[in-house]
Amino acid sequence: MDNVKAVYFSATGTTRTTVCQIARKLAGLLALPFSEVDFTLPAGRQSPLVFGSGDLVVMGTPVYAGRVPNVLLKFLQSMQGQGAVGIPVVVYGNRHFDDALIELRDLMEKAGIRTFAAAAFVGEHSFSKILAAGRPDAQDLAKMDEFASLAALKLGEAQAQDKDGVHELLHPVEVEGTPFPYRGYYTPRDRHGNGIDIRKVKSLVNGNCNACKICAEVCPMGSISWEDVREYTGICIKCGACIKKCPVGARYYEDEGYLYHQHELEEMYTRRAEPVWFL
């Protein structure tokens, strides 16, 4: 191995925190350089991700409706692993990661990245400031370090067995989830069992707005107009970036279906979900 790369999509910062904590710990344990590759904003997705045989790639995405965000699939399908080794990591908002981890693993394997470890961690939900509030917290960070240490041990054992370093790694790593074809996207439902469709719902702007344009800067889809932040030029993926990063609390949702789903999640998933990993 030549270097460790933290590679991520992270609208609100929880996935970045998780991936970088794991990757930095690995880099320290393996005495390798560390670097970040951030493809959260549109500019970061202009060219395919390209790696090499000397790269250890810790790749992370959030879990949206139990899967890798579908807006990222075309981009991730274009990446080139070229013999890199990797660790898929997903971050979910205290409900469950469903098939997101197995989907990310498969995307990496198909790109030519040999996966040998994987993990699902918890971050504050993009819809809420209550659900998994403040996570990842100190306990989570300690778990990330523990996972990284175990992954480094597995990598070291493989290198000791093979003069080329990684060819004896068993891959793809076995993870929890339904093999392809994956389960459908998680569908929120009302109290009568009817599906709630929030795909076209967009955040609104209240009178607190001072046109600082931070929301336009942080939108992963580039969908908030720079000229008038009350206008959209594209889709809203409900990532929470514009709401959680607004310094004056100007953005909000009022759609009844969205709010019902938000409150339902907050009421149903109060227990502390714990990280899981696979080696």
Protein backbone atom coordinates (compact mmCIF):
# COMPACT_ATOMS: atom_id res chain seq x y z
CA MET A 1 0.00 0.00 0.00
CA ASP A 2 1.13 3.53 -0.82
CA ASN A 3 -1.60 5.71 0.70
CA VAL A 4 -5.00 5.79 2.39
CA LYS A 5 -7.81 7.77 0.78
CA ALA A 6 -11.00 8.90 2.53
CA VAL A 7 -13.58 9.15 -0.26
CA TYR A 8 -17.08 10.36 0.52
CA PHE A 9 -20.38 12.07 -0.20
CA SER A 10 -21.37 13.96 2.94
CA ALA A 11 -24.03 16.66 2.79
CA THR A 12 -24.21 17.37 6.53
CA GLY A 13 -20.73 16.19 7.56
CA THR A 14 -21.52 12.97 9.42
CA THR A 15 -20.27 10.66 6.66
CA ARG A 16 -17.11 12.74 6.26
CA THR A 17 -16.42 12.53 10.00
CA THR A 18 -16.90 8.76 9.96
CA VAL A 19 -14.85 7.99 6.86
CA CYS A 20 -12.01 10.32 7.81
CA GLN A 21 -11.80 8.95 11.35
CA ILE A 22 -11.45 5.40 10.02
CA ALA A 23 -9.05 6.37 7.23
CA ARG A 24 -6.82 8.52 9.46
CA LYS A 25 -6.57 5.73 12.01
CA LEU A 26 -5.64 3.28 9.27
CA ALA A 27 -3.06 5.66 7.86
CA GLY A 28 -1.49 6.04 11.29
CA LEU A 29 -1.42 2.32 11.98
CA LEU A 30 0.02 1.52 8.56
CA ALA A 31 2.39 4.53 8.48
CA LEU A 32 0.91 5.72 5.18
CA PRO A 33 -0.04 9.16 3.83
CA PHE A 34 -3.70 10.20 4.21
CA SER A 35 -5.80 12.24 1.78
CA GLU A 36 -9.46 13.13 1.20
CA VAL A 37 -11.59 12.91 -1.95
CA ASP A 38 -14.89 14.75 -1.49
CA PHE A 39 -17.55 14.22 -4.17
CA THR A 40 -20.40 15.88 -2.26
CA LEU A 41 -20.76 18.95 -4.48
CA PRO A 42 -21.38 18.85 -8.25
CA ALA A 43 -17.80 20.00 -8.95
CA GLY A 44 -16.54 16.86 -7.23
CA ARG A 45 -18.47 14.66 -9.64
CA GLN A 46 -17.28 16.18 -12.92
CA SER A 47 -14.70 13.45 -13.51
CA PRO A 48 -14.76 9.74 -12.57
CA LEU A 49 -13.05 8.54 -9.42
CA VAL A 50 -9.81 6.83 -10.43
CA PHE A 51 -7.66 4.78 -8.07
CA GLY A 52 -4.62 2.54 -8.37
CA SER A 53 -3.17 -0.64 -6.95
CA GLY A 54 -1.36 1.28 -4.22
CA ASP A 55 -4.53 2.85 -2.85
CA LEU A 56 -6.46 1.82 0.24
CA VAL A 57 -9.88 3.41 -0.35
CA VAL A 58 -12.26 4.03 2.55
CA MET A 59 -15.44 5.01 0.70
CA GLY A 60 -18.55 6.32 2.40
CA THR A 61 -22.07 7.41 1.53
CA PRO A 62 -25.13 8.14 3.62
CA VAL A 63 -28.09 5.77 3.53
CA TYR A 64 -31.13 7.21 1.77
CA ALA A 65 -34.31 5.10 2.01
CA GLY A 66 -32.23 2.03 2.79
CA ARG A 67 -29.94 2.32 -0.23
CA VAL A 68 -27.01 4.23 -1.68
CA PRO A 69 -28.47 7.59 -2.81
CA ASN A 70 -29.78 6.93 -6.32
CA VAL A 71 -28.50 10.29 -7.57
CA LEU A 72 -24.96 8.96 -7.05
CA LEU A 73 -25.31 5.67 -8.90
CA LYS A 74 -24.31 6.84 -12.38
CA PHE A 75 -21.25 8.60 -10.96
CA LEU A 76 -20.18 5.64 -8.82
CA GLN A 77 -20.68 3.24 -11.72
CA SER A 78 -18.07 5.24 -13.64
CA MET A 79 -15.28 4.89 -11.06
CA GLN A 80 -12.13 2.92 -11.85
CA GLY A 81 -10.55 0.86 -9.10
CA GLN A 82 -7.62 -0.60 -11.04
CA GLY A 83 -6.68 -3.05 -8.30
CA ALA A 84 -7.11 -0.81 -5.27
CA VAL A 85 -8.27 -2.35 -2.01
CA GLY A 86 -11.17 -0.83 -0.19
CA ILE A 87 -13.58 -0.55 2.69
CA PRO A 88 -17.23 0.42 2.01
CA VAL A 89 -18.81 2.44 4.82
CA VAL A 90 -22.40 3.65 5.09
CA VAL A 91 -23.89 6.05 7.62
CA TYR A 92 -27.57 5.84 8.56
CA GLY A 93 -29.89 7.90 10.74
CA ASN A 94 -30.67 5.38 13.49
CA ARG A 95 -33.32 3.36 11.59
CA HIS A 96 -31.35 0.75 9.56
CA PHE A 97 -28.94 0.56 6.65
CA ASP A 98 -31.00 -2.12 4.81
CA ASP A 99 -29.22 -2.87 1.49
CA ALA A 100 -27.02 0.22 1.28
CA LEU A 101 -23.84 -1.49 2.45
CA ILE A 102 -24.09 -4.47 0.11
CA GLU A 103 -24.92 -2.08 -2.74
CA LEU A 104 -21.88 0.09 -2.06
CA ARG A 105 -19.69 -2.99 -1.75
CA ASP A 106 -20.94 -4.23 -5.12
CA LEU A 107 -20.30 -0.85 -6.76
CA MET A 108 -16.72 -0.89 -5.50
CA GLU A 109 -16.12 -4.50 -6.54
CA LYS A 110 -17.50 -3.91 -10.04
CA ALA A 111 -15.15 -0.94 -10.37
CA GLY A 112 -12.14 -3.14 -9.55
CA ILE A 113 -11.72 -2.27 -5.87
CA ARG A 114 -11.14 -5.38 -3.76
CA THR A 115 -13.17 -5.02 -0.57
CA PHE A 116 -11.86 -6.75 2.55
CA ALA A 117 -13.81 -5.02 5.35
CA ALA A 118 -17.03 -3.01 5.64
CA ALA A 119 -19.03 -1.10 8.23
CA ALA A 120 -22.28 0.71 8.95
CA PHE A 121 -22.18 3.60 11.42
CA VAL A 122 -24.81 5.98 12.77
CA GLY A 123 -25.09 9.74 12.19
CA GLU A 124 -27.69 12.34 13.07
CA HIS A 125 -30.61 11.88 10.71
CA SER A 126 -30.77 14.36 7.84
CA PHE A 127 -34.47 15.03 8.59
CA SER A 128 -34.05 15.65 12.29
CA LYS A 129 -32.09 17.26 15.09
CA ILE A 130 -33.52 14.70 17.53
CA LEU A 131 -32.97 11.37 15.81
CA ALA A 132 -29.43 10.18 16.66
CA ALA A 133 -28.71 13.73 17.79
CA GLY A 134 -25.04 14.65 17.93
CA ARG A 135 -23.84 11.41 16.40
CA PRO A 136 -21.25 10.31 15.61
CA ASP A 137 -20.28 10.98 19.24
CA ALA A 138 -17.27 9.98 21.33
CA GLN A 139 -18.49 6.39 21.64
CA ASP A 140 -18.87 6.15 17.87
CA LEU A 141 -15.40 7.58 17.27
CA ALA A 142 -13.92 4.97 19.59
CA LYS A 143 -15.76 2.25 17.66
CA MET A 144 -14.38 3.65 14.40
CA ASP A 145 -10.86 3.38 15.78
CA GLU A 146 -11.53 -0.19 16.91
CA PHE A 147 -12.84 -1.13 13.47
CA ALA A 148 -9.86 0.51 11.75
CA SER A 149 -7.48 -1.42 14.00
CA LEU A 150 -9.14 -4.72 13.10
CA ALA A 151 -9.08 -3.85 9.40
CA ALA A 152 -5.39 -2.94 9.60
CA LEU A 153 -4.69 -6.28 11.30
CA LYS A 154 -6.49 -8.17 8.54
CA LEU A 155 -4.59 -6.24 5.88
CA GLY A 156 -1.29 -6.89 7.63
CA GLU A 157 -1.99 -10.63 7.80
CA ALA A 158 -2.74 -10.70 4.09
CA GLN A 159 0.46 -8.81 3.28
CA ALA A 160 2.47 -11.27 5.37
CA GLN A 161 1.05 -14.15 3.34
CA ASP A 162 1.59 -12.63 -0.09
CA LYS A 163 4.68 -10.91 -1.46
CA ASP A 164 2.44 -8.65 -3.56
CA GLY A 165 0.62 -7.56 -0.43
CA VAL A 166 -3.09 -8.08 -1.05
CA HIS A 167 -3.71 -10.87 -3.54
CA GLU A 168 -4.59 -13.36 -0.82
CA LEU A 169 -7.36 -11.16 0.54
CA LEU A 170 -10.74 -12.85 0.49
CA HIS A 171 -13.14 -10.57 -1.32
CA PRO A 172 -15.77 -9.37 -1.71
CA VAL A 173 -16.26 -8.98 2.03
CA GLU A 174 -19.48 -10.65 3.19
CA VAL A 175 -21.94 -8.09 4.56
CA GLU A 176 -25.52 -7.92 5.76
CA GLY A 177 -28.10 -7.21 3.07
CA THR A 178 -30.04 -8.70 0.19
CA PRO A 179 -27.87 -9.62 -2.82
CA PHE A 180 -28.76 -8.05 -6.16
CA PRO A 181 -31.53 -7.47 -7.06
CA TYR A 182 -31.73 -5.37 -3.92
CA ARG A 183 -34.90 -4.59 -2.02
CA GLY A 184 -36.82 -1.52 -3.13
CA TYR A 185 -36.27 1.86 -1.53
CA TYR A 186 -37.79 2.26 1.92
CA THR A 187 -41.27 3.82 1.62
CA PRO A 188 -42.71 5.86 4.49
CA ARG A 189 -46.39 5.15 5.18
CA ASP A 190 -49.18 6.91 7.03
CA ARG A 191 -51.21 5.39 9.86
CA HIS A 192 -53.49 3.71 7.32
CA GLY A 193 -50.60 2.03 5.52
CA ASN A 194 -50.70 4.31 2.50
CA GLY A 195 -47.36 5.30 0.99
CA ILE A 196 -46.12 8.87 1.50
CA ASP A 197 -44.34 10.31 -1.52
CA ILE A 198 -41.97 13.13 -0.55
CA ARG A 199 -39.72 12.98 -3.61
CA LYS A 200 -40.83 16.36 -4.98
CA VAL A 201 -40.97 18.14 -1.62
CA LYS A 202 -38.56 21.08 -1.28
CA SER A 203 -37.47 23.17 1.67
CA LEU A 204 -38.90 26.65 2.07
CA VAL A 205 -37.37 29.92 3.28
CA ASN A 206 -38.68 32.12 6.10
CA GLY A 207 -38.17 35.78 6.98
CA ASN A 208 -34.89 35.11 8.82
CA CYS A 209 -33.08 34.75 5.50
CA ASN A 210 -30.37 37.36 4.92
CA ALA A 211 -29.34 36.00 1.50
CA CYS A 212 -25.93 34.82 2.74
CA LYS A 213 -26.12 32.10 0.04
CA ILE A 214 -24.63 29.37 2.22
CA CYS A 215 -27.55 27.12 1.27
CA ALA A 216 -26.72 27.55 -2.42
CA GLU A 217 -23.05 26.82 -1.73
CA VAL A 218 -23.70 23.57 0.17
CA CYS A 219 -26.50 22.05 -1.93
CA PRO A 220 -25.07 18.77 -3.31
CA MET A 221 -27.30 18.97 -6.36
CA GLY A 222 -26.52 22.63 -7.10
CA SER A 223 -30.28 23.11 -7.08
CA ILE A 224 -30.66 26.35 -5.09
CA SER A 225 -30.51 29.48 -7.20
CA TRP A 226 -27.55 31.75 -6.47
CA GLU A 227 -29.53 34.80 -7.59
CA ASP A 228 -32.58 34.00 -5.40
CA VAL A 229 -32.15 31.29 -2.77
CA ARG A 230 -35.93 30.90 -2.57
CA GLU A 231 -35.91 29.38 -6.04
CA TYR A 232 -34.83 25.91 -7.13
CA THR A 233 -33.11 25.11 -10.37
CA GLY A 234 -33.13 21.33 -9.86
CA ILE A 235 -34.17 18.52 -7.52
CA CYS A 236 -34.10 18.43 -3.73
CA ILE A 237 -32.85 15.16 -2.25
CA LYS A 238 -33.77 16.07 1.35
CA CYS A 239 -30.13 15.76 2.45
CA GLY A 240 -30.53 18.40 5.17
CA ALA A 241 -27.49 20.45 4.18
CA CYS A 242 -29.34 23.72 3.55
CA ILE A 243 -31.26 23.43 6.82
CA LYS A 244 -28.52 22.26 9.16
CA LYS A 245 -25.89 24.64 7.78
CA CYS A 246 -28.07 27.77 7.71
CA PRO A 247 -26.70 30.13 10.39
CA VAL A 248 -30.06 31.86 10.95
CA GLY A 249 -32.47 28.93 10.74
CA ALA A 250 -34.12 30.27 7.62
CA ARG A 251 -34.91 27.02 5.81
CA TYR A 252 -37.63 24.57 6.80
CA TYR A 253 -40.21 22.07 5.54
CA GLU A 254 -43.96 22.38 5.92
CA ASP A 255 -45.19 19.51 3.72
CA GLU A 256 -47.56 17.38 5.81
CA GLY A 257 -46.23 14.07 4.46
CA TYR A 258 -42.63 15.03 5.12
CA LEU A 259 -43.40 16.18 8.67
CA TYR A 260 -45.46 13.07 9.41
CA HIS A 261 -42.58 10.87 8.30
CA GLN A 262 -40.05 12.93 10.28
CA HIS A 263 -42.07 12.72 13.49
CA GLU A 264 -42.79 9.02 12.96
CA LEU A 265 -39.08 8.26 12.68
CA GLU A 266 -38.34 10.34 15.78
CA GLU A 267 -40.98 8.45 17.78
CA MET A 268 -40.22 4.93 16.52
CA TYR A 269 -36.42 4.88 16.61
CA THR A 270 -35.50 6.32 19.97
CA ARG A 271 -33.18 3.40 20.87
CA ARG A 272 -29.47 3.87 20.28
CA ALA A 273 -28.55 1.93 17.16
CA GLU A 274 -24.97 0.68 17.31
CA PRO A 275 -22.34 0.40 14.59
CA VAL A 276 -21.76 -2.96 12.92
CA TRP A 277 -18.81 -4.12 10.90
CA PHE A 278 -17.78 -7.04 8.76
CA LEU A 279 -14.27 -8.47 8.34
